[in-house]
């Protein structure tokens, strides 16, 4: 996770060319495995990343835990 100006927290992944990319978890619509991960964003754009589904899932869950979103529905 990365903290950027304004306090927004993003997950860091790696493009196929090796460059790091910061992704806003709340803007992810879905992820295709083709076999690399194709992250489709809400705006219709997509990013191809090196990380597999398990790494992406782990980073998203870590992000949600850090914001306590995953506990929002618990009593």
Foldseek 3Di string as FASTA:
>chain_A
DDQDPPRQDFFWFAAPVGDIDTHRLVQFPDWDPPVFIWTAGVVRDTTTTRDGPVVVVVRSVVVCVVVVVVCPPPD
